[in-house]
């Protein structure tokens, strides 16, 4: 359940950042590229923090957490790349 919630948070973050960029009028390809790269940097940091919490607080090993966090990172990342591709 936690994995689904974290993935949903990533998709919500992507949606919010895309919505704010459209609201502010940043629709040119360079802005969309910057938005996507910025989102990916923030989402990678959030995924690493989630991995760290899983290892230090939840008691999982790095080997147990890494595949799950890879999925957590990839689902919103693929969505972000699709947004980038469709908006440019």
PDB file of N, CA and C in Angstrom:
ATOM      1  N   UNK A   1       0.821  -1.190   0.000  1.00  0.00           N
ATOM      2  CA  UNK A   1       0.000   0.000   0.000  1.00  0.00           C
ATOM      3  C   UNK A   1       0.868   1.259   0.000  1.00  0.00           C
ATOM      4  N   UNK A   2       1.967   1.209   0.750  1.00  0.00           N
ATOM      5  CA  UNK A   2       2.858   2.365   0.809  1.00  0.00           C
ATOM      6  C   UNK A   2       3.439   2.676  -0.568  1.00  0.00           C
ATOM      7  N   UNK A   3       3.781   1.640  -1.309  1.00  0.00           N
ATOM      8  CA  UNK A   3       4.349   1.830  -2.645  1.00  0.00           C
ATOM      9  C   UNK A   3       3.364   2.547  -3.555  1.00  0.00           C
ATOM     10  N   UNK A   4       2.108   2.145  -3.512  1.00  0.00           N
ATOM     11  CA  UNK A   4       1.079   2.779  -4.341  1.00  0.00           C
ATOM     12  C   UNK A   4       0.901   4.240  -3.948  1.00  0.00           C
ATOM     13  N   UNK A   5       0.941   4.516  -2.652  1.00  0.00           N
ATOM     14  CA  UNK A   5       0.787   5.898  -2.194  1.00  0.00           C
ATOM     15  C   UNK A   5       1.962   6.765  -2.641  1.00  0.00           C
ATOM     16  N   UNK A   6       3.163   6.234  -2.606  1.00  0.00           N
ATOM     17  CA  UNK A   6       4.335   7.012  -3.023  1.00  0.00           C
ATOM     18  C   UNK A   6       4.304   7.251  -4.536  1.00  0.00           C
ATOM     19  N   UNK A   7       3.924   6.239  -5.304  1.00  0.00           N
ATOM     20  CA  UNK A   7       3.796   6.419  -6.753  1.00  0.00           C
ATOM     21  C   UNK A   7       2.726   7.464  -7.054  1.00  0.00           C
ATOM     22  N   UNK A   8       1.600   7.388  -6.351  1.00  0.00           N
ATOM     23  CA  UNK A   8       0.535   8.379  -6.538  1.00  0.00           C
ATOM     24  C   UNK A   8       1.022   9.782  -6.195  1.00  0.00           C
ATOM     25  N   UNK A   9       1.827   9.898  -5.151  1.00  0.00           N
ATOM     26  CA  UNK A   9       2.388  11.206  -4.792  1.00  0.00           C
ATOM     27  C   UNK A   9       3.281  11.735  -5.917  1.00  0.00           C
ATOM     28  N   UNK A  10       4.055  10.867  -6.533  1.00  0.00           N
ATOM     29  CA  UNK A  10       4.897  11.281  -7.653  1.00  0.00           C
ATOM     30  C   UNK A  10       4.079  11.739  -8.846  1.00  0.00           C
ATOM     31  N   UNK A  11       3.006  11.017  -9.133  1.00  0.00           N
ATOM     32  CA  UNK A  11       2.145  11.420 -10.243  1.00  0.00           C
ATOM     33  C   UNK A  11       1.426  12.729  -9.936  1.00  0.00           C
ATOM     34  N   UNK A  12       1.018  12.914  -8.679  1.00  0.00           N
ATOM     35  CA  UNK A  12       0.402  14.184  -8.280  1.00  0.00           C
ATOM     36  C   UNK A  12       1.399  15.335  -8.379  1.00  0.00           C
ATOM     37  N   UNK A  13       2.635  15.099  -7.978  1.00  0.00           N
ATOM     38  CA  UNK A  13       3.674  16.123  -8.101  1.00  0.00           C
ATOM     39  C   UNK A  13       3.902  16.484  -9.568  1.00  0.00           C
ATOM     40  N   UNK A  14       3.937  15.488 -10.429  1.00  0.00           N
ATOM     41  CA  UNK A  14       4.088  15.741 -11.861  1.00  0.00           C
ATOM     42  C   UNK A  14       2.901  16.536 -12.391  1.00  0.00           C
ATOM     43  N   UNK A  15       1.702  16.140 -12.006  1.00  0.00           N
ATOM     44  CA  UNK A  15       0.510  16.858 -12.451  1.00  0.00           C
ATOM     45  C   UNK A  15       0.480  18.293 -11.961  1.00  0.00           C
ATOM     46  N   UNK A  16       0.864  18.495 -10.706  1.00  0.00           N
ATOM     47  CA  UNK A  16       0.882  19.848 -10.155  1.00  0.00           C
ATOM     48  C   UNK A  16       1.923  20.711 -10.858  1.00  0.00           C
ATOM     49  N   UNK A  17       3.102  20.172 -11.082  1.00  0.00           N
ATOM     50  CA  UNK A  17       4.141  20.966 -11.742  1.00  0.00           C
ATOM     51  C   UNK A  17       3.767  21.262 -13.193  1.00  0.00           C
ATOM     52  N   UNK A  18       3.139  20.307 -13.862  1.00  0.00           N
ATOM     53  CA  UNK A  18       2.686  20.544 -15.229  1.00  0.00           C
ATOM     54  C   UNK A  18       1.574  21.584 -15.254  1.00  0.00           C
ATOM     55  N   UNK A  19       0.650  21.474 -14.312  1.00  0.00           N
ATOM     56  CA  UNK A  19      -0.437  22.447 -14.240  1.00  0.00           C
ATOM     57  C   UNK A  19       0.048  23.851 -13.947  1.00  0.00           C
ATOM     58  N   UNK A  20       0.984  23.980 -13.030  1.00  0.00           N
ATOM     59  CA  UNK A  20       1.530  25.302 -12.702  1.00  0.00           C
ATOM     60  C   UNK A  20       2.280  25.875 -13.898  1.00  0.00           C
ATOM     61  N   UNK A  21       3.018  25.041 -14.605  1.00  0.00           N
ATOM     62  CA  UNK A  21       3.758  25.553 -15.767  1.00  0.00           C
ATOM     63  C   UNK A  21       2.800  26.022 -16.860  1.00  0.00           C
ATOM     64  N   UNK A  22       1.708  25.309 -17.057  1.00  0.00           N
ATOM     65  CA  UNK A  22       0.719  25.745 -18.051  1.00  0.00           C
ATOM     66  C   UNK A  22       0.034  27.027 -17.595  1.00  0.00           C
ATOM     67  N   UNK A  23      -0.290  27.103 -16.308  1.00  0.00           N
ATOM     68  CA  UNK A  23      -0.950  28.279 -15.756  1.00  0.00           C
ATOM     69  C   UNK A  23      -0.070  29.513 -15.899  1.00  0.00           C
ATOM     70  N   UNK A  24       1.236  29.324 -15.739  1.00  0.00           N
ATOM     71  CA  UNK A  24       2.166  30.443 -15.850  1.00  0.00           C
ATOM     72  C   UNK A  24       2.546  30.734 -17.303  1.00  0.00           C
ATOM     73  N   UNK A  25       2.074  29.923 -18.226  1.00  0.00           N
ATOM     74  CA  UNK A  25       2.304  30.186 -19.640  1.00  0.00           C
ATOM     75  C   UNK A  25       3.600  29.649 -20.201  1.00  0.00           C
ATOM     76  N   UNK A  26       4.184  28.674 -19.528  1.00  0.00           N
ATOM     77  CA  UNK A  26       5.431  28.086 -20.015  1.00  0.00           C
ATOM     78  C   UNK A  26       5.114  26.855 -20.847  1.00  0.00           C
ATOM     79  N   UNK A  27       4.884  27.044 -22.136  1.00  0.00           N
ATOM     80  CA  UNK A  27       4.525  25.927 -22.991  1.00  0.00           C
ATOM     81  C   UNK A  27       5.521  25.650 -24.097  1.00  0.00           C
ATOM     82  N   UNK A  28       6.567  26.465 -24.187  1.00  0.00           N
ATOM     83  CA  UNK A  28       7.543  26.241 -25.249  1.00  0.00           C
ATOM     84  C   UNK A  28       8.391  25.004 -24.922  1.00  0.00           C
ATOM     85  N   UNK A  29       8.987  24.384 -25.930  1.00  0.00           N
ATOM     86  CA  UNK A  29       9.741  23.143 -25.710  1.00  0.00           C
ATOM     87  C   UNK A  29      10.866  23.249 -24.684  1.00  0.00           C
ATOM     88  N   UNK A  30      11.548  24.379 -24.629  1.00  0.00           N
ATOM     89  CA  UNK A  30      12.640  24.525 -23.659  1.00  0.00           C
ATOM     90  C   UNK A  30      12.103  24.510 -22.231  1.00  0.00           C
ATOM     91  N   UNK A  31      10.959  25.140 -22.012  1.00  0.00           N
ATOM     92  CA  UNK A  31      10.365  25.153 -20.673  1.00  0.00           C
ATOM     93  C   UNK A  31       9.861  23.773 -20.272  1.00  0.00           C
ATOM     94  N   UNK A  32       9.284  23.057 -21.229  1.00  0.00           N
ATOM     95  CA  UNK A  32       8.805  21.700 -20.946  1.00  0.00           C
ATOM     96  C   UNK A  32       9.988  20.796 -20.609  1.00  0.00           C
ATOM     97  N   UNK A  33      11.091  20.970 -21.326  1.00  0.00           N
ATOM     98  CA  UNK A  33      12.306  20.185 -21.041  1.00  0.00           C
ATOM     99  C   UNK A  33      12.826  20.496 -19.647  1.00  0.00           C
ATOM    100  N   UNK A  34      12.872  21.774 -19.304  1.00  0.00           N
ATOM    101  CA  UNK A  34      13.336  22.178 -17.981  1.00  0.00           C
ATOM    102  C   UNK A  34      12.415  21.646 -16.885  1.00  0.00           C
ATOM    103  N   UNK A  35      11.111  21.707 -17.117  1.00  0.00           N
ATOM    104  CA  UNK A  35      10.143  21.166 -16.163  1.00  0.00           C
ATOM    105  C   UNK A  35      10.377  19.675 -15.952  1.00  0.00           C
ATOM    106  N   UNK A  36      10.557  18.946 -17.033  1.00  0.00           N
ATOM    107  CA  UNK A  36      10.752  17.501 -16.933  1.00  0.00           C
ATOM    108  C   UNK A  36      12.042  17.168 -16.193  1.00  0.00           C
ATOM    109  N   UNK A  37      13.117  17.836 -16.538  1.00  0.00           N
ATOM    110  CA  UNK A  37      14.392  17.563 -15.868  1.00  0.00           C
ATOM    111  C   UNK A  37      14.346  17.966 -14.398  1.00  0.00           C
ATOM    112  N   UNK A  38      13.684  19.070 -14.097  1.00  0.00           N
ATOM    113  CA  UNK A  38      13.524  19.483 -12.700  1.00  0.00           C
ATOM    114  C   UNK A  38      12.702  18.481 -11.918  1.00  0.00           C
ATOM    115  N   UNK A  39      11.603  18.014 -12.513  1.00  0.00           N
ATOM    116  CA  UNK A  39      10.785  17.001 -11.853  1.00  0.00           C
ATOM    117  C   UNK A  39      11.597  15.738 -11.600  1.00  0.00           C
ATOM    118  N   UNK A  40      12.359  15.302 -12.597  1.00  0.00           N
ATOM    119  CA  UNK A  40      13.142  14.073 -12.436  1.00  0.00           C
ATOM    120  C   UNK A  40      14.174  14.209 -11.323  1.00  0.00           C
ATOM    121  N   UNK A  41      14.782  15.367 -11.193  1.00  0.00           N
ATOM    122  CA  UNK A  41      15.757  15.578 -10.116  1.00  0.00           C
ATOM    123  C   UNK A  41      15.080  15.529  -8.750  1.00  0.00           C
ATOM    124  N   UNK A  42      13.946  16.208  -8.630  1.00  0.00           N
ATOM    125  CA  UNK A  42      13.212  16.209  -7.356  1.00  0.00           C
ATOM    126  C   UNK A  42      12.702  14.811  -7.043  1.00  0.00           C
ATOM    127  N   UNK A  43      12.179  14.116  -8.047  1.00  0.00           N
ATOM    128  CA  UNK A  43      11.629  12.786  -7.814  1.00  0.00           C
ATOM    129  C   UNK A  43      12.725  11.774  -7.477  1.00  0.00           C
ATOM    130  N   UNK A  44      13.891  11.898  -8.083  1.00  0.00           N
ATOM    131  CA  UNK A  44      15.010  11.026  -7.730  1.00  0.00           C
ATOM    132  C   UNK A  44      15.412  11.251  -6.275  1.00  0.00           C
ATOM    133  N   UNK A  45      15.490  12.499  -5.856  1.00  0.00           N
ATOM    134  CA  UNK A  45      15.828  12.801  -4.459  1.00  0.00           C
ATOM    135  C   UNK A  45      14.774  12.229  -3.513  1.00  0.00           C
ATOM    136  N   UNK A  46      13.502  12.368  -3.865  1.00  0.00           N
ATOM    137  CA  UNK A  46      12.431  11.831  -3.021  1.00  0.00           C
ATOM    138  C   UNK A  46      12.502  10.308  -2.950  1.00  0.00           C
ATOM    139  N   UNK A  47      12.838   9.665  -4.054  1.00  0.00           N
ATOM    140  CA  UNK A  47      12.953   8.209  -4.072  1.00  0.00           C
ATOM    141  C   UNK A  47      14.126   7.737  -3.225  1.00  0.00           C
ATOM    142  N   UNK A  48      15.237   8.444  -3.283  1.00  0.00           N
ATOM    143  CA  UNK A  48      16.402   8.082  -2.460  1.00  0.00           C
ATOM    144  C   UNK A  48      16.076   8.268  -0.980  1.00  0.00           C
ATOM    145  N   UNK A  49      15.363   9.330  -0.641  1.00  0.00           N
ATOM    146  CA  UNK A  49      14.944   9.538   0.753  1.00  0.00           C
ATOM    147  C   UNK A  49      14.006   8.426   1.190  1.00  0.00           C
ATOM    148  N   UNK A  50      13.091   8.016   0.313  1.00  0.00           N
ATOM    149  CA  UNK A  50      12.190   6.908   0.626  1.00  0.00           C
ATOM    150  C   UNK A  50      12.976   5.617   0.848  1.00  0.00           C
ATOM    151  N   UNK A  51      13.994   5.376   0.026  1.00  0.00           N
ATOM    152  CA  UNK A  51      14.862   4.211   0.203  1.00  0.00           C
ATOM    153  C   UNK A  51      15.561   4.269   1.552  1.00  0.00           C
ATOM    154  N   UNK A  52      16.078   5.428   1.890  1.00  0.00           N
ATOM    155  CA  UNK A  52      16.785   5.601   3.163  1.00  0.00           C
ATOM    156  C   UNK A  52      15.852   5.318   4.344  1.00  0.00           C
ATOM    157  N   UNK A  53      14.624   5.838   4.292  1.00  0.00           N
ATOM    158  CA  UNK A  53      13.669   5.571   5.369  1.00  0.00           C
ATOM    159  C   UNK A  53      13.331   4.083   5.448  1.00  0.00           C
ATOM    160  N   UNK A  54      13.184   3.432   4.309  1.00  0.00           N
ATOM    161  CA  UNK A  54      12.885   2.008   4.316  1.00  0.00           C
ATOM    162  C   UNK A  54      13.984   1.182   4.948  1.00  0.00           C
ATOM    163  N   UNK A  55      15.222   1.595   4.734  1.00  0.00           N
ATOM    164  CA  UNK A  55      16.355   0.853   5.290  1.00  0.00           C
ATOM    165  C   UNK A  55      16.563   1.190   6.759  1.00  0.00           C
ATOM    166  N   UNK A  56      16.521   2.474   7.111  1.00  0.00           N
ATOM    167  CA  UNK A  56      16.858   2.867   8.484  1.00  0.00           C
ATOM    168  C   UNK A  56      15.690   2.762   9.452  1.00  0.00           C
ATOM    169  N   UNK A  57      14.477   2.985   8.992  1.00  0.00           N
ATOM    170  CA  UNK A  57      13.328   3.009   9.902  1.00  0.00           C
ATOM    171  C   UNK A  57      12.464   1.755   9.826  1.00  0.00           C
ATOM    172  N   UNK A  58      12.257   1.247   8.620  1.00  0.00           N
ATOM    173  CA  UNK A  58      11.367   0.097   8.461  1.00  0.00           C
ATOM    174  C   UNK A  58      12.096  -1.229   8.605  1.00  0.00           C
ATOM    175  N   UNK A  59      13.412  -1.200   8.573  1.00  0.00           N
ATOM    176  CA  UNK A  59      14.178  -2.411   8.809  1.00  0.00           C
ATOM    177  C   UNK A  59      14.426  -3.283   7.596  1.00  0.00           C
ATOM    178  N   UNK A  60      14.176  -2.771   6.402  1.00  0.00           N
ATOM    179  CA  UNK A  60      14.461  -3.541   5.199  1.00  0.00           C
ATOM    180  C   UNK A  60      15.936  -3.394   4.839  1.00  0.00           C
ATOM    181  N   UNK A  61      16.437  -4.347   4.080  1.00  0.00           N
ATOM    182  CA  UNK A  61      17.808  -4.224   3.585  1.00  0.00           C
ATOM    183  C   UNK A  61      17.793  -3.420   2.287  1.00  0.00           C
ATOM    184  N   UNK A  62      18.962  -2.958   1.887  1.00  0.00           N
ATOM    185  CA  UNK A  62      19.071  -2.217   0.628  1.00  0.00           C
ATOM    186  C   UNK A  62      18.661  -3.117  -0.537  1.00  0.00           C
ATOM    187  N   UNK A  63      19.018  -4.387  -0.464  1.00  0.00           N
ATOM    188  CA  UNK A  63      18.660  -5.331  -1.525  1.00  0.00           C
ATOM    189  C   UNK A  63      17.150  -5.523  -1.631  1.00  0.00           C
ATOM    190  N   UNK A  64      16.435  -5.436  -0.515  1.00  0.00           N
ATOM    191  CA  UNK A  64      14.979  -5.559  -0.541  1.00  0.00           C
ATOM    192  C   UNK A  64      14.311  -4.278  -1.032  1.00  0.00           C
ATOM    193  N   UNK A  65      14.861  -3.147  -0.679  1.00  0.00           N
ATOM    194  CA  UNK A  65      14.253  -1.858  -1.004  1.00  0.00           C
ATOM    195  C   UNK A  65      14.545  -1.395  -2.428  1.00  0.00           C
ATOM    196  N   UNK A  66      15.689  -1.762  -2.968  1.00  0.00           N
ATOM    197  CA  UNK A  66      16.095  -1.237  -4.273  1.00  0.00           C
ATOM    198  C   UNK A  66      15.119  -1.572  -5.400  1.00  0.00           C
ATOM    199  N   UNK A  67      14.665  -2.819  -5.566  1.00  0.00           N
ATOM    200  CA  UNK A  67      13.730  -3.091  -6.668  1.00  0.00           C
ATOM    201  C   UNK A  67      12.406  -2.341  -6.519  1.00  0.00           C
ATOM    202  N   UNK A  68      11.922  -2.219  -5.308  1.00  0.00           N
ATOM    203  CA  UNK A  68      10.664  -1.512  -5.079  1.00  0.00           C
ATOM    204  C   UNK A  68      10.837  -0.032  -5.388  1.00  0.00           C
ATOM    205  N   UNK A  69      11.947   0.543  -4.950  1.00  0.00           N
ATOM    206  CA  UNK A  69      12.184   1.955  -5.219  1.00  0.00           C
ATOM    207  C   UNK A  69      12.477   2.212  -6.692  1.00  0.00           C
ATOM    208  N   UNK A  70      12.982   1.226  -7.384  1.00  0.00           N
ATOM    209  CA  UNK A  70      13.159   1.368  -8.827  1.00  0.00           C
ATOM    210  C   UNK A  70      11.799   1.518  -9.513  1.00  0.00           C
ATOM    211  N   UNK A  71      10.833   0.702  -9.103  1.00  0.00           N
ATOM    212  CA  UNK A  71       9.472   0.821  -9.636  1.00  0.00           C
ATOM    213  C   UNK A  71       8.867   2.162  -9.242  1.00  0.00           C
ATOM    214  N   UNK A  72       9.062   2.552  -7.977  1.00  0.00           N
ATOM    215  CA  UNK A  72       8.539   3.829  -7.486  1.00  0.00           C
ATOM    216  C   UNK A  72       9.108   4.982  -8.313  1.00  0.00           C
ATOM    217  N   UNK A  73      10.364   4.901  -8.686  1.00  0.00           N
ATOM    218  CA  UNK A  73      10.974   5.961  -9.483  1.00  0.00           C
ATOM    219  C   UNK A  73      10.519   5.901 -10.941  1.00  0.00           C
ATOM    220  N   UNK A  74      10.432   4.702 -11.502  1.00  0.00           N
ATOM    221  CA  UNK A  74      10.192   4.580 -12.939  1.00  0.00           C
ATOM    222  C   UNK A  74       8.779   4.941 -13.371  1.00  0.00           C
ATOM    223  N   UNK A  75       7.771   4.643 -12.575  1.00  0.00           N
ATOM    224  CA  UNK A  75       6.393   4.914 -13.009  1.00  0.00           C
ATOM    225  C   UNK A  75       6.179   6.412 -13.252  1.00  0.00           C
ATOM    226  N   UNK A  76       6.457   7.302 -12.283  1.00  0.00           N
ATOM    227  CA  UNK A  76       6.309   8.731 -12.577  1.00  0.00           C
ATOM    228  C   UNK A  76       7.321   9.244 -13.607  1.00  0.00           C
ATOM    229  N   UNK A  77       8.488   8.622 -13.681  1.00  0.00           N
ATOM    230  CA  UNK A  77       9.483   9.040 -14.669  1.00  0.00           C
ATOM    231  C   UNK A  77       8.991   8.775 -16.085  1.00  0.00           C
ATOM    232  N   UNK A  78       8.421   7.608 -16.307  1.00  0.00           N
ATOM    233  CA  UNK A  78       7.863   7.296 -17.626  1.00  0.00           C
ATOM    234  C   UNK A  78       6.730   8.266 -17.949  1.00  0.00           C
ATOM    235  N   UNK A  79       5.895   8.570 -16.961  1.00  0.00           N
ATOM    236  CA  UNK A  79       4.816   9.541 -17.175  1.00  0.00           C
ATOM    237  C   UNK A  79       5.383  10.913 -17.525  1.00  0.00           C
ATOM    238  N   UNK A  80       6.450  11.328 -16.860  1.00  0.00           N
ATOM    239  CA  UNK A  80       7.067  12.629 -17.143  1.00  0.00           C
ATOM    240  C   UNK A  80       7.652  12.662 -18.551  1.00  0.00           C
ATOM    241  N   UNK A  81       8.267  11.574 -18.963  1.00  0.00           N
ATOM    242  CA  UNK A  81       8.835  11.520 -20.310  1.00  0.00           C
ATOM    243  C   UNK A  81       7.725  11.553 -21.354  1.00  0.00           C
ATOM    244  N   UNK A  82       6.606  10.894 -21.068  1.00  0.00           N
ATOM    245  CA  UNK A  82       5.456  10.958 -21.977  1.00  0.00           C
ATOM    246  C   UNK A  82       4.909  12.375 -22.073  1.00  0.00           C
ATOM    247  N   UNK A  83       4.819  13.076 -20.941  1.00  0.00           N
ATOM    248  CA  UNK A  83       4.361  14.469 -20.955  1.00  0.00           C
ATOM    249  C   UNK A  83       5.307  15.309 -21.800  1.00  0.00           C
ATOM    250  N   UNK A  84       6.603  15.112 -21.604  1.00  0.00           N
ATOM    251  CA  UNK A  84       7.608  15.856 -22.371  1.00  0.00           C
ATOM    252  C   UNK A  84       7.446  15.576 -23.865  1.00  0.00           C
ATOM    253  N   UNK A  85       7.299  14.311 -24.202  1.00  0.00           N
ATOM    254  CA  UNK A  85       7.187  13.911 -25.601  1.00  0.00           C
ATOM    255  C   UNK A  85       5.912  14.466 -26.232  1.00  0.00           C
ATOM    256  N   UNK A  86       4.805  14.434 -25.501  1.00  0.00           N
ATOM    257  CA  UNK A  86       3.532  14.895 -26.050  1.00  0.00           C
ATOM    258  C   UNK A  86       3.435  16.417 -26.137  1.00  0.00           C
ATOM    259  N   UNK A  87       4.167  17.123 -25.286  1.00  0.00           N
ATOM    260  CA  UNK A  87       4.070  18.585 -25.273  1.00  0.00           C
ATOM    261  C   UNK A  87       5.126  19.272 -26.126  1.00  0.00           C
ATOM    262  N   UNK A  88       6.011  18.516 -26.736  1.00  0.00           N
ATOM    263  CA  UNK A  88       7.018  19.157 -27.593  1.00  0.00           C
ATOM    264  C   UNK A  88       6.847  18.757 -29.042  1.00  0.00           C
TER     265      UNK A  88
END
